[in-house]
Amino acid sequence: MARRAYKGRPGRRASRNRPNGWSRRWIQSDTARAALGCTPMRYPTWRSTTSTCIGTMMRLRRALTSGKRGQAPFPQRREVEKGPVPFFPVFLTLLIILGAGTLLSASDPGTGDWPMWGGTPDRNMVSKMTGVPTEWDVESKENVKWMAELGSQSYGNPVVAEGVVLVGTNNESVKDPKQDGDRGVLMAFREEDGEFLWQITHEKLSSGRANDWPYQGVCSSPLVENGVAYYVSNRGVVMAVDLDGFRDGNNDGPVTDEKLTSERDGDIVWQFDMMEEVGSFPHNMSNSSPVSHGDLIYVSTSNGQDESHVNIPSPKAPAIIALNKKTGELVWEDNPVEDRILHGQWSAAAVAKVGDTVQVIMGQGDGWVRANDAVTGERLWEFDTNPKDAVWPKTRNNVISTAVVYDGLVYVANGQDPEHGEGVGHLYAIDPTKRGDITESGRVWHYEKIRRSISTAAVHDGLVYYADFSGFLHCLDAKTGKPYWVHDMFAAIWGSPLVIDGKVYLGDEDGDITVLQAGKELKEISENNMGSSVYATPVPANGVLFINNRNQLFALSAKGAQTAGP
C-alpha cells in the first residue's frame, strides 16, 4: 500500500457531539486553514500537526465541543474510522514491569539527572523532584529558564546527564552549513543555559522512506553512562559517542576516522550497523531507546515489513540484541517473532531484577511482550497482549509502548502506529515470575477500556497512570486494575504521563501540557500551551523541567525547585 499525502487529519471522535458535523477533520483541513488565514508548513505529509495556526485551531476546536475538556465517561469502544490517514511513524521513544523480586534500581535517579528514557532501567515515569512550575508561558517567558531551537520535527525525548541535555531531531535548523540537507541529528546543549555544544548528523539511507522516512530525524532517546551516550540513529546504527564531543580535544576510539572534528561536532566511540551486521530491515524508521545492565546495552532492531505491508524482507533478523557497551560487539540476539511481524517494531526494553534473575522485557512486533535473561539472552517468558480472536489490523495490535516494572508487576499496553488511527486497545498487569507462555498464568489484571496506546505508564502510590492515542488519560488501581477516573485531553497523545511532586504532567498533539493532581480524585490544576505539537514526555532533572515541542527545547524552572535525594 503506497503512502500518500492527505488533506486534514482523520476525524477522530468526529461524532462526539460536534455541531453541524464539524470535527477535527474539518478543523485541521486545508479548507479550515484557509478560512482562518493559516498557512501550512512546507511538508504536506505533516501539515495536519504543524500548521502555524495550531493555537487558533485548538481554540476553535474547543468552541465546537459541547462538553468541557477534562473528565470523561469511561470511553465506549468505537469502530475505527476509515478514510485517508497520515503517515505518523511511531518513534516515541516512547514510548513502559516485574515479579515479586527485588528491583534492579529505584524509580528515581538519585543524582537528579534523567539519563535515559524513563529515568531508570525500570522505565517508570516518576520523579521525587519538587518545586517544578505548574504554570508557564513560552511567549512571555514566565518560568522559562532557557529555550533552544531544534529541527522542524522532534519525536525523541531529551535526556539530561553530567551537565548536558541531548535530544534527537532533524536538520531543518542547520547548525553547520557543511552538513545541510535532510539528515538525522543528535544535538547536545549545556544544561545550565541551553548553549549549543555539539551535534552528530546522519545522512539518510539511500533506500528512502521504506527504511528512513524523510525529515523525521533521530527519534531515539539516548542512554548516558560514564561520559558516553548511546542511541540508535535514523540509519539503524547503534551509536556510542563521547558526551564531551570534540570539545575536550580528544578523539576517543576505536572509531577515530571522523571527517568532522571541530568543537561543534560529536566524537564517535563505536558504532554497530544493525542492517549490515544482523540483517534487520526497519519499517520506515529505526527507533529504540537503549537500556543497560552491567557491560551490556539492549535495543530493538526495528525489523519490520517493507512498503507493501505484506512482505517481511528479513524474517530471520533478531528482534532484540545485546551489545557490549565498551566495544560494540554483539553478545546475544533473539528472534521470537520471525515472519509474524504485523507492521514494525519500535518498542524499547526495560530492565529489572526478578528474584535472582535480571530480566530484559520488551514489547515486540507480533503483539507479544517477552523477557530474556539479561546476561545469557535465554528467553524466560512471553505474554500475548491480544485476545485469541483478534485480527490485524482492526482488533489485533503490536506493542510499541515500553513496559514498566514496578513493585513486582509489569505494566504494558498495546497499540499501533498512529498512522492507523484509533482502535481498541488492551492494558495489562503481568506477573513476571512465571515461565513459558504466561498469557493466562501471568495475567494479574486486564483493562479493556483503553484505546490503542504508544505511551508508557507512570506508577506511583498504588496508582497507574496510562495514556492512549485517542486522547484519554486513565487512572487505575495498580494491584487490581480498578479504574478511578479518565481525563479527556481532546487531542492525540504520543508521549507519556510523568508523576512528579504529587502531580501528573502530560502533553498532547495540540501542544498543551496538562497538569493534574495525582490521586484517586480527578482535578485539573493547569494547562500550558507549548506553541506547537508535543510528541515527547516532560523530563525532570536537577530542579528543572525539560520539554520539547515539535521544534524547540524548553527548560522550565520556578523558584524553590529541589532535586531528588539519593
Protein backbone atom coordinates (compact mmCIF):
# COMPACT_ATOMS: atom_id res chain seq x y z
CA MET A 1 0.00 0.00 0.00
CA ALA A 2 1.58 3.28 -1.06
CA ARG A 3 1.93 6.11 1.43
CA ARG A 4 0.01 9.19 0.49
CA ALA A 5 -0.19 12.82 1.34
CA TYR A 6 -3.53 13.89 2.72
CA LYS A 7 -5.72 16.84 3.44
CA GLY A 8 -6.74 17.14 7.03
CA ARG A 9 -6.26 14.63 9.75
CA PRO A 10 -8.51 11.65 10.37
CA GLY A 11 -11.73 12.73 12.08
CA ARG A 12 -11.03 11.22 15.47
CA ARG A 13 -14.17 11.18 17.63
CA ALA A 14 -15.88 13.20 14.87
CA SER A 15 -19.33 12.18 16.09
CA ARG A 16 -18.61 13.33 19.64
CA ASN A 17 -21.34 15.99 19.88
CA ARG A 18 -19.79 18.40 17.42
CA PRO A 19 -22.49 20.65 15.92
CA ASN A 20 -23.25 20.56 12.19
CA GLY A 21 -20.87 17.66 11.74
CA TRP A 22 -17.82 19.85 12.35
CA SER A 23 -14.98 17.68 13.54
CA ARG A 24 -11.24 17.73 13.95
CA ARG A 25 -11.00 16.58 10.35
CA TRP A 26 -12.59 19.84 9.21
CA ILE A 27 -10.86 21.97 11.84
CA GLN A 28 -7.43 20.84 10.68
CA SER A 29 -8.20 20.61 6.96
CA ASP A 30 -6.84 22.94 4.29
CA THR A 31 -10.31 24.46 3.97
CA ALA A 32 -10.33 25.37 7.64
CA ARG A 33 -6.81 26.74 7.44
CA ALA A 34 -7.78 28.96 4.54
CA ALA A 35 -10.83 30.21 6.44
CA LEU A 36 -8.63 31.01 9.42
CA GLY A 37 -5.89 32.62 7.36
CA CYS A 38 -3.41 29.89 8.27
CA THR A 39 -0.58 28.60 6.14
CA PRO A 40 0.66 25.01 6.22
CA MET A 41 4.28 24.08 6.74
CA ARG A 42 6.44 23.07 3.77
CA TYR A 43 5.91 19.32 4.19
CA PRO A 44 2.34 18.40 3.20
CA THR A 45 2.60 14.93 4.74
CA TRP A 46 2.91 16.60 8.14
CA ARG A 47 0.71 19.66 7.78
CA SER A 48 -2.11 18.40 9.99
CA THR A 49 0.05 18.87 13.06
CA THR A 50 2.48 21.56 12.00
CA SER A 51 0.26 24.43 10.97
CA THR A 52 1.42 27.81 12.13
CA CYS A 53 -2.14 28.39 13.36
CA ILE A 54 -2.36 25.38 15.66
CA GLY A 55 -3.31 27.56 18.61
CA THR A 56 -6.16 29.18 16.68
CA MET A 57 -7.48 25.82 15.53
CA MET A 58 -7.23 24.46 19.06
CA ARG A 59 -9.43 27.28 20.36
CA LEU A 60 -11.90 26.75 17.51
CA ARG A 61 -11.98 23.02 18.19
CA ARG A 62 -12.85 23.66 21.81
CA ALA A 63 -15.56 26.10 20.82
CA LEU A 64 -17.13 23.39 18.70
CA THR A 65 -17.08 20.90 21.55
CA SER A 66 -20.27 20.69 23.56
CA GLY A 67 -18.69 19.25 26.72
CA LYS A 68 -15.94 20.61 28.92
CA ARG A 69 -12.42 19.45 28.35
CA GLY A 70 -11.40 17.19 31.17
CA GLN A 71 -13.36 14.50 32.93
CA ALA A 72 -14.89 12.00 30.55
CA PRO A 73 -17.09 8.96 30.95
CA PHE A 74 -15.15 5.77 30.53
CA PRO A 75 -14.79 5.72 26.75
CA GLN A 76 -17.01 3.35 24.84
CA ARG A 77 -15.40 1.24 22.17
CA ARG A 78 -15.88 2.83 18.77
CA GLU A 79 -15.25 1.45 15.31
CA VAL A 80 -12.04 2.73 13.76
CA GLU A 81 -12.93 5.48 11.34
CA LYS A 82 -11.94 4.82 7.77
CA GLY A 83 -10.55 7.11 5.14
CA PRO A 84 -7.21 8.66 4.27
CA VAL A 85 -4.85 8.80 7.20
CA PRO A 86 -1.47 10.49 7.60
CA PHE A 87 1.79 8.66 7.96
CA PHE A 88 2.90 9.06 11.54
CA PRO A 89 5.81 6.69 12.11
CA VAL A 90 5.97 5.89 15.73
CA PHE A 91 9.16 6.97 17.36
CA LEU A 92 8.39 7.63 20.71
CA THR A 93 10.67 6.69 22.33
CA LEU A 94 8.24 6.33 23.99
CA LEU A 95 7.38 5.44 24.02
CA ILE A 96 6.97 1.42 29.62
CA ILE A 97 7.40 -4.07 34.90
CA LEU A 98 8.04 -7.15 37.20
CA GLY A 99 7.57 -10.02 39.68
CA ALA A 100 7.85 -10.26 43.39
CA GLY A 101 11.60 -9.79 43.41
CA THR A 102 13.97 -7.00 44.25
CA LEU A 103 14.02 -4.28 41.61
CA LEU A 104 17.29 -3.54 39.91
CA SER A 105 17.03 0.17 40.62
CA ALA A 106 14.75 2.67 42.26
CA SER A 107 12.25 4.66 40.22
CA ASP A 108 14.16 7.94 40.50
CA PRO A 109 17.79 8.76 39.69
CA GLY A 110 19.33 9.85 42.97
CA THR A 111 21.74 12.30 41.31
CA GLY A 112 18.89 14.39 39.95
CA ASP A 113 19.89 13.59 36.35
CA TRP A 114 17.49 11.88 33.94
CA PRO A 115 20.00 9.90 31.87
CA MET A 116 17.68 7.65 29.85
CA TRP A 117 14.12 7.14 28.64
CA GLY A 118 12.07 6.81 31.82
CA GLY A 119 14.92 7.95 34.07
CA THR A 120 15.88 4.45 35.23
CA PRO A 121 16.01 0.95 33.70
CA ASP A 122 12.56 0.04 35.06
CA ARG A 123 11.23 2.90 32.88
CA ASN A 124 8.73 4.14 35.48
CA MET A 125 7.90 7.78 34.72
CA VAL A 126 8.10 9.04 38.31
CA SER A 127 10.42 11.60 39.92
CA LYS A 128 10.99 12.68 43.52
CA MET A 129 11.89 16.19 42.44
CA THR A 130 9.79 19.00 43.93
CA GLY A 131 9.07 22.63 43.22
CA VAL A 132 8.75 22.48 39.43
CA PRO A 133 6.32 25.00 37.96
CA THR A 134 2.72 24.11 37.22
CA GLU A 135 2.25 27.21 35.08
CA TRP A 136 4.47 28.86 32.49
CA ASP A 137 4.22 30.91 29.31
CA VAL A 138 6.56 30.23 26.41
CA GLU A 139 5.73 33.60 24.81
CA SER A 140 6.23 35.87 27.83
CA LYS A 141 9.00 33.53 29.13
CA GLU A 142 7.35 33.23 32.55
CA ASN A 143 9.13 30.37 34.37
CA VAL A 144 11.17 29.68 31.21
CA LYS A 145 14.85 29.36 32.12
CA TRP A 146 16.01 28.97 28.53
CA MET A 147 14.89 27.86 25.08
CA ALA A 148 16.85 26.26 22.24
CA GLU A 149 15.90 25.78 18.60
CA LEU A 150 15.64 22.22 17.27
CA GLY A 151 14.84 20.98 13.77
CA SER A 152 11.33 21.04 12.35
CA GLN A 153 10.36 17.61 13.77
CA SER A 154 11.42 16.17 17.14
CA TYR A 155 9.94 12.85 18.24
CA GLY A 156 12.51 11.70 20.76
CA ASN A 157 12.71 12.76 24.37
CA PRO A 158 15.53 14.77 25.91
CA VAL A 159 17.81 13.14 28.43
CA VAL A 160 19.88 15.07 30.96
CA ALA A 161 23.17 13.83 32.37
CA GLU A 162 26.51 15.20 33.52
CA GLY A 163 25.60 18.79 32.67
CA VAL A 164 24.47 18.04 29.11
CA VAL A 165 20.99 17.82 27.51
CA LEU A 166 20.73 15.52 24.48
CA VAL A 167 17.79 15.36 22.08
CA GLY A 168 17.17 13.89 18.63
CA THR A 169 15.71 15.95 15.80
CA ASN A 170 16.10 16.61 12.06
CA ASN A 171 18.42 19.03 10.25
CA GLU A 172 15.99 21.84 9.45
CA SER A 173 17.73 24.09 11.97
CA VAL A 174 21.11 23.87 10.28
CA LYS A 175 23.97 24.34 12.73
CA ASP A 176 26.71 23.66 10.17
CA PRO A 177 26.35 24.78 6.52
CA LYS A 178 28.69 21.95 5.51
CA GLN A 179 26.07 19.49 6.77
CA ASP A 180 22.92 20.74 5.09
CA GLY A 181 20.04 18.78 3.62
CA ASP A 182 17.80 16.16 5.19
CA ARG A 183 19.66 14.35 7.99
CA GLY A 184 19.05 12.81 11.35
CA VAL A 185 20.64 14.84 14.13
CA LEU A 186 21.57 14.34 17.78
CA MET A 187 22.05 17.74 19.43
CA ALA A 188 23.83 18.50 22.70
CA PHE A 189 23.13 21.59 24.81
CA ARG A 190 24.61 22.83 28.07
CA GLU A 191 22.17 22.06 30.86
CA GLU A 192 22.70 25.32 32.72
CA ASP A 193 21.92 27.83 29.97
CA GLY A 194 20.96 25.94 26.79
CA GLU A 195 24.11 26.85 24.87
CA PHE A 196 24.56 24.63 21.82
CA LEU A 197 27.60 22.40 22.34
CA TRP A 198 27.86 19.90 19.50
CA GLN A 199 25.93 17.67 17.14
CA ILE A 200 26.23 14.46 15.16
CA THR A 201 24.40 14.30 11.85
CA HIS A 202 23.45 11.17 9.92
CA GLU A 203 22.75 11.11 6.19
CA LYS A 204 19.52 9.48 5.07
CA LEU A 205 19.52 5.91 3.81
CA SER A 206 19.52 5.56 0.03
CA SER A 207 16.56 3.17 0.31
CA GLY A 208 14.40 6.17 1.18
CA ARG A 209 11.16 6.09 3.07
CA ALA A 210 10.98 2.30 3.16
CA ASN A 211 13.63 2.38 5.91
CA ASP A 212 14.24 6.07 6.67
CA TRP A 213 11.23 8.34 6.25
CA PRO A 214 12.10 11.90 5.14
CA TYR A 215 12.55 14.70 7.67
CA GLN A 216 11.94 12.58 10.77
CA GLY A 217 15.43 12.87 12.21
CA VAL A 218 16.79 10.85 15.11
CA CYS A 219 13.88 9.53 17.17
CA SER A 220 15.76 7.51 19.79
CA SER A 221 16.15 8.81 23.34
CA PRO A 222 19.80 8.32 24.35
CA LEU A 223 21.22 6.48 27.34
CA VAL A 224 24.11 8.24 29.10
CA GLU A 225 26.58 6.40 31.32
CA ASN A 226 30.05 7.47 32.45
CA GLY A 227 30.54 10.13 29.82
CA VAL A 228 29.23 8.06 26.89
CA ALA A 229 25.85 8.47 25.16
CA TYR A 230 24.23 5.51 23.39
CA TYR A 231 21.41 5.90 20.87
CA VAL A 232 20.01 4.48 17.62
CA SER A 233 20.39 6.66 14.53
CA ASN A 234 17.90 7.05 11.69
CA ARG A 235 20.13 4.66 9.71
CA GLY A 236 19.63 1.79 12.15
CA VAL A 237 23.09 2.19 13.66
CA VAL A 238 23.63 1.85 17.41
CA MET A 239 25.93 4.73 18.31
CA ALA A 240 28.27 5.25 21.26
CA VAL A 241 29.50 8.85 21.40
CA ASP A 242 31.64 10.87 23.80
CA LEU A 243 29.45 13.21 25.86
CA ASP A 244 32.10 15.94 25.51
CA GLY A 245 32.21 15.72 21.72
CA PHE A 246 35.50 17.04 20.36
CA ARG A 247 35.42 19.94 22.81
CA ASP A 248 37.82 18.04 25.07
CA GLY A 249 40.45 17.81 22.33
CA ASN A 250 40.44 14.01 22.33
CA ASN A 251 39.38 11.60 19.60
CA ASP A 252 38.05 8.63 21.51
CA GLY A 253 38.17 5.27 19.73
CA PRO A 254 38.05 2.68 18.41
CA VAL A 255 36.43 4.92 15.75
CA THR A 256 38.98 7.64 15.01
CA ASP A 257 38.38 8.44 11.33
CA GLU A 258 35.59 11.00 11.70
CA LYS A 259 35.63 13.59 8.92
CA LEU A 260 34.18 16.36 11.10
CA THR A 261 36.24 17.08 14.21
CA SER A 262 35.54 20.68 15.20
CA GLU A 263 34.45 21.63 18.71
CA ARG A 264 30.85 21.66 17.46
CA ASP A 265 30.99 18.06 16.22
CA GLY A 266 30.31 14.82 18.07
CA ASP A 267 33.01 12.25 18.77
CA ILE A 268 32.08 8.66 17.84
CA VAL A 269 33.45 5.97 20.14
CA TRP A 270 31.98 2.95 18.33
CA GLN A 271 29.03 2.09 16.10
CA PHE A 272 27.08 -1.06 15.23
CA ASP A 273 25.14 -1.11 11.96
CA MET A 274 22.14 -3.38 12.60
CA MET A 275 21.13 -3.57 8.93
CA GLU A 276 24.62 -4.72 7.97
CA GLU A 277 25.53 -6.86 10.99
CA VAL A 278 22.27 -8.69 11.78
CA GLY A 279 20.28 -8.09 8.60
CA SER A 280 17.46 -6.01 10.07
CA PHE A 281 15.03 -4.20 7.78
CA PRO A 282 13.49 -1.29 9.70
CA HIS A 283 9.99 -0.34 8.61
CA ASN A 284 10.06 3.40 7.79
CA MET A 285 12.38 4.29 10.67
CA SER A 286 14.75 2.83 13.22
CA ASN A 287 13.90 3.67 16.78
CA SER A 288 14.73 2.17 20.13
CA SER A 289 15.93 3.83 23.30
CA PRO A 290 18.83 1.81 24.77
CA VAL A 291 18.92 0.46 28.30
CA SER A 292 21.80 -1.26 30.08
CA HIS A 293 22.77 -3.84 32.66
CA GLY A 294 26.38 -4.45 33.60
CA ASP A 295 28.51 -4.33 30.46
CA LEU A 296 25.58 -4.80 28.08
CA ILE A 297 23.11 -2.49 26.36
CA TYR A 298 19.85 -3.68 24.79
CA VAL A 299 17.99 -2.33 21.76
CA SER A 300 15.22 -3.32 19.39
CA THR A 301 16.32 -3.77 15.79
CA SER A 302 13.10 -2.19 14.39
CA ASN A 303 12.88 -5.11 11.96
CA GLY A 304 9.59 -4.99 10.05
CA GLN A 305 7.66 -5.13 6.81
CA ASP A 306 8.51 -3.41 3.56
CA GLU A 307 6.26 -0.80 1.99
CA SER A 308 3.89 -3.41 0.63
CA HIS A 309 2.80 -4.01 4.23
CA VAL A 310 2.75 -7.69 3.33
CA ASN A 311 6.33 -8.81 2.82
CA ILE A 312 8.87 -9.24 5.60
CA PRO A 313 12.22 -8.96 3.82
CA SER A 314 14.29 -10.19 6.76
CA PRO A 315 12.29 -12.69 8.86
CA LYS A 316 15.46 -14.23 10.33
CA ALA A 317 16.78 -10.95 11.72
CA PRO A 318 16.59 -10.66 15.52
CA ALA A 319 14.01 -8.54 17.29
CA ILE A 320 16.34 -7.66 20.18
CA ILE A 321 20.12 -7.56 20.51
CA ALA A 322 22.59 -7.14 23.37
CA LEU A 323 25.88 -5.34 22.71
CA ASN A 324 28.99 -4.90 24.81
CA LYS A 325 28.76 -1.24 25.70
CA LYS A 326 32.54 -0.81 25.80
CA THR A 327 33.31 -2.31 22.40
CA GLY A 328 30.02 -2.50 20.48
CA GLU A 329 30.42 -6.24 19.91
CA LEU A 330 27.30 -8.41 19.59
CA VAL A 331 26.87 -10.59 22.70
CA TRP A 332 23.46 -12.19 22.13
CA GLU A 333 20.35 -11.86 19.99
CA ASP A 334 16.83 -13.27 20.00
CA ASN A 335 14.23 -13.57 17.25
CA PRO A 336 10.96 -14.96 18.61
CA VAL A 337 8.85 -13.03 16.10
CA GLU A 338 10.27 -14.22 12.76
CA ASP A 339 7.64 -13.89 10.00
CA ARG A 340 4.81 -12.92 12.37
CA ILE A 341 5.65 -9.20 12.37
CA LEU A 342 2.41 -7.27 11.98
CA HIS A 343 3.98 -3.97 10.90
CA GLY A 344 7.15 -2.76 12.62
CA GLN A 345 9.00 -3.00 15.95
CA TRP A 346 9.71 0.26 17.78
CA SER A 347 9.49 -0.55 21.46
CA ALA A 348 12.26 -0.03 24.00
CA ALA A 349 13.33 -2.56 26.60
CA ALA A 350 13.01 -2.29 30.38
CA VAL A 351 15.45 -3.98 32.77
CA ALA A 352 14.74 -5.14 36.32
CA LYS A 353 15.65 -7.90 38.75
CA VAL A 354 13.02 -10.54 39.46
CA GLY A 355 14.09 -12.93 42.18
CA ASP A 356 17.65 -13.92 41.30
CA THR A 357 17.37 -13.11 37.60
CA VAL A 358 17.78 -9.78 35.84
CA GLN A 359 15.20 -9.63 33.06
CA VAL A 360 15.12 -7.61 29.86
CA ILE A 361 11.45 -7.02 28.99
CA MET A 362 10.28 -5.68 25.64
CA GLY A 363 7.14 -5.44 23.52
CA GLN A 364 7.50 -6.88 20.04
CA GLY A 365 6.04 -6.72 16.57
CA ASP A 366 3.64 -9.66 16.86
CA GLY A 367 1.78 -8.17 19.84
CA TRP A 368 3.62 -10.22 22.48
CA VAL A 369 5.70 -8.98 25.41
CA ARG A 370 8.76 -11.10 26.14
CA ALA A 371 11.51 -11.32 28.73
CA ASN A 372 15.08 -12.53 28.31
CA ASP A 373 17.80 -13.26 30.82
CA ALA A 374 19.87 -10.08 30.71
CA VAL A 375 23.19 -11.92 30.77
CA THR A 376 22.61 -15.02 28.64
CA GLY A 377 19.70 -13.97 26.43
CA GLU A 378 17.69 -17.05 27.41
CA ARG A 379 14.00 -16.47 26.75
CA LEU A 380 12.16 -16.59 30.08
CA TRP A 381 8.51 -15.86 29.35
CA GLU A 382 6.13 -14.43 26.77
CA PHE A 383 2.68 -12.86 27.02
CA ASP A 384 0.18 -12.25 24.21
CA THR A 385 -1.45 -8.83 24.66
CA ASN A 386 -4.27 -9.60 22.21
CA PRO A 387 -7.38 -11.75 22.56
CA LYS A 388 -7.08 -15.00 20.64
CA ASP A 389 -9.80 -13.95 18.19
CA ALA A 390 -8.18 -10.58 17.43
CA VAL A 391 -7.45 -9.90 13.76
CA TRP A 392 -4.90 -7.45 12.37
CA PRO A 393 -5.31 -4.58 11.76
CA LYS A 394 -8.79 -3.98 13.15
CA THR A 395 -8.56 -5.61 16.58
CA ARG A 396 -5.07 -7.09 16.85
CA ASN A 397 -2.22 -4.76 17.85
CA ASN A 398 1.52 -4.85 18.19
CA VAL A 399 3.34 -3.40 21.20
CA ILE A 400 5.06 -0.05 20.75
CA SER A 401 4.78 1.08 24.37
CA THR A 402 7.67 0.46 26.73
CA ALA A 403 6.91 -1.96 29.56
CA VAL A 404 7.24 -0.55 33.10
CA VAL A 405 8.40 -2.57 36.08
CA TYR A 406 7.07 -1.59 39.48
CA ASP A 407 6.52 -3.40 42.77
CA GLY A 408 6.66 -6.89 41.33
CA LEU A 409 4.48 -6.33 38.24
CA VAL A 410 4.91 -5.47 34.58
CA TYR A 411 2.56 -2.82 33.15
CA VAL A 412 2.14 -2.52 29.39
CA ALA A 413 -0.50 -1.64 26.78
CA ASN A 414 -0.68 -2.45 23.09
CA GLY A 415 -1.43 -0.26 20.10
CA GLN A 416 -0.43 0.61 16.55
CA ASP A 417 1.42 3.18 14.51
CA PRO A 418 -0.62 6.41 14.80
CA GLU A 419 -0.94 6.35 11.00
CA HIS A 420 -3.53 3.63 11.54
CA GLY A 421 -5.76 5.91 13.62
CA GLU A 422 -7.80 4.92 16.64
CA GLY A 423 -8.85 1.46 17.67
CA VAL A 424 -9.37 -0.92 20.55
CA GLY A 425 -6.52 -1.41 22.99
CA HIS A 426 -5.59 -3.52 25.99
CA LEU A 427 -3.66 -2.75 29.19
CA TYR A 428 -2.24 -5.48 31.41
CA ALA A 429 -0.52 -6.07 34.70
CA ILE A 430 1.71 -9.15 34.34
CA ASP A 431 3.45 -11.41 36.87
CA PRO A 432 7.00 -11.94 35.53
CA THR A 433 7.91 -14.71 37.95
CA LYS A 434 6.16 -17.22 35.68
CA ARG A 435 7.89 -19.05 32.83
CA GLY A 436 6.98 -20.02 29.28
CA ASP A 437 3.73 -18.82 27.72
CA ILE A 438 2.21 -16.89 30.64
CA THR A 439 -0.70 -15.30 28.75
CA GLU A 440 -3.12 -16.93 31.18
CA SER A 441 -0.99 -17.80 34.22
CA GLY A 442 0.78 -14.44 34.37
CA ARG A 443 -2.23 -12.18 33.89
CA VAL A 444 -2.87 -10.23 37.09
CA TRP A 445 -5.48 -7.95 35.57
CA HIS A 446 -6.68 -6.78 32.16
CA TYR A 447 -8.17 -3.34 31.44
CA GLU A 448 -10.20 -3.27 28.22
CA LYS A 449 -11.43 0.33 28.17
CA ILE A 450 -8.16 1.80 26.97
CA ARG A 451 -7.71 2.64 23.30
CA ARG A 452 -4.61 1.95 21.24
CA SER A 453 -1.58 3.33 23.05
CA ILE A 454 2.05 4.09 22.31
CA SER A 455 2.62 5.57 25.77
CA THR A 456 4.48 4.41 28.86
CA ALA A 457 2.99 4.02 32.33
CA ALA A 458 3.70 6.07 35.42
CA VAL A 459 3.04 4.06 38.60
CA HIS A 460 3.01 5.84 41.96
CA ASP A 461 1.34 5.43 45.35
CA GLY A 462 -0.65 2.40 44.22
CA LEU A 463 -1.99 4.04 41.05
CA VAL A 464 -1.23 3.51 37.37
CA TYR A 465 -1.50 6.46 35.01
CA TYR A 466 -1.70 5.40 31.37
CA ALA A 467 -2.49 7.46 28.27
CA ASP A 468 -3.90 6.28 24.96
CA PHE A 469 -3.57 7.70 21.47
CA SER A 470 -7.26 8.68 21.37
CA GLY A 471 -6.52 11.36 23.95
CA PHE A 472 -7.60 9.75 27.24
CA LEU A 473 -5.52 9.51 30.41
CA HIS A 474 -6.61 6.61 32.62
CA CYS A 475 -6.04 6.30 36.38
CA LEU A 476 -6.28 2.75 37.76
CA ASP A 477 -5.51 0.79 40.89
CA ALA A 478 -2.07 -0.75 40.37
CA LYS A 479 -2.91 -4.04 42.09
CA THR A 480 -6.44 -4.66 40.82
CA GLY A 481 -6.88 -2.59 37.65
CA LYS A 482 -9.93 -0.86 39.12
CA PRO A 483 -10.48 2.42 37.22
CA TYR A 484 -10.82 5.62 39.22
CA TRP A 485 -11.08 8.25 36.51
CA VAL A 486 -10.48 9.10 32.86
CA HIS A 487 -9.36 12.54 31.68
CA ASP A 488 -10.09 13.59 28.10
CA MET A 489 -7.27 15.68 26.59
CA PHE A 490 -9.28 16.21 23.37
CA ALA A 491 -6.13 15.65 21.30
CA ALA A 492 -3.95 12.72 20.36
CA ILE A 493 -1.36 11.66 22.92
CA TRP A 494 2.03 10.44 21.70
CA GLY A 495 4.02 10.96 24.90
CA SER A 496 3.64 9.58 28.40
CA PRO A 497 2.49 10.88 31.78
CA LEU A 498 5.11 12.00 34.29
CA VAL A 499 4.33 11.91 38.02
CA ILE A 500 6.28 14.48 39.99
CA ASP A 501 5.66 16.39 43.23
CA GLY A 502 2.15 14.94 43.63
CA LYS A 503 1.11 15.93 40.13
CA VAL A 504 0.74 14.34 36.69
CA TYR A 505 2.15 16.15 33.65
CA LEU A 506 1.09 15.09 30.15
CA GLY A 507 1.47 16.64 26.69
CA ASP A 508 -0.65 16.27 23.56
CA GLU A 509 -0.67 16.88 19.83
CA ASP A 510 -2.36 20.27 20.27
CA GLY A 511 0.75 21.43 22.10
CA ASP A 512 -0.81 21.51 25.57
CA ILE A 513 0.85 20.27 28.74
CA THR A 514 -1.92 19.49 31.22
CA VAL A 515 -1.10 19.31 34.92
CA LEU A 516 -3.41 17.18 37.09
CA GLN A 517 -3.45 16.38 40.78
CA ALA A 518 -2.16 12.86 41.34
CA GLY A 519 -4.59 10.65 43.22
CA LYS A 520 -7.94 8.89 43.07
CA GLU A 521 -9.88 12.12 42.52
CA LEU A 522 -9.58 13.90 39.18
CA LYS A 523 -8.54 17.53 39.49
CA GLU A 524 -7.03 19.66 36.75
CA ILE A 525 -4.50 22.20 38.02
CA SER A 526 -3.40 23.97 34.86
CA GLU A 527 -2.93 23.79 31.12
CA ASN A 528 0.03 25.34 29.32
CA ASN A 529 0.47 25.57 25.57
CA MET A 530 3.96 24.98 24.17
CA GLY A 531 3.38 26.66 20.81
CA SER A 532 3.41 23.51 18.67
CA SER A 533 2.69 19.80 18.97
CA VAL A 534 4.24 17.88 21.86
CA TYR A 535 5.18 14.33 20.92
CA ALA A 536 7.56 13.86 23.83
CA THR A 537 7.30 13.41 27.60
CA PRO A 538 8.29 16.05 30.19
CA VAL A 539 11.71 15.27 31.67
CA PRO A 540 12.73 16.37 35.19
CA ALA A 541 16.36 16.90 36.18
CA ASN A 542 18.15 18.91 38.85
CA GLY A 543 15.24 21.19 39.70
CA VAL A 544 14.29 21.90 36.08
CA LEU A 545 11.56 20.51 33.82
CA PHE A 546 12.67 19.95 30.22
CA ILE A 547 10.01 19.77 27.49
CA ASN A 548 10.49 19.72 23.74
CA ASN A 549 7.73 20.59 21.36
CA ARG A 550 7.97 19.87 17.66
CA ASN A 551 10.85 22.30 17.04
CA GLN A 552 12.04 23.79 20.34
CA LEU A 553 13.50 22.63 23.64
CA PHE A 554 12.45 24.45 26.83
CA ALA A 555 13.95 24.41 30.30
CA LEU A 556 11.27 25.39 32.85
CA SER A 557 12.08 26.40 36.39
CA ALA A 558 10.38 28.03 39.36
CA LYS A 559 11.97 29.40 42.49
CA GLY A 560 12.30 26.80 45.20
CA ALA A 561 12.70 23.79 42.91
CA GLN A 562 14.60 20.98 44.62
CA THR A 563 16.44 17.99 43.20
CA ALA A 564 15.77 14.48 44.40
CA GLY A 565 17.91 12.97 47.12
CA PRO A 566 19.57 9.59 46.83
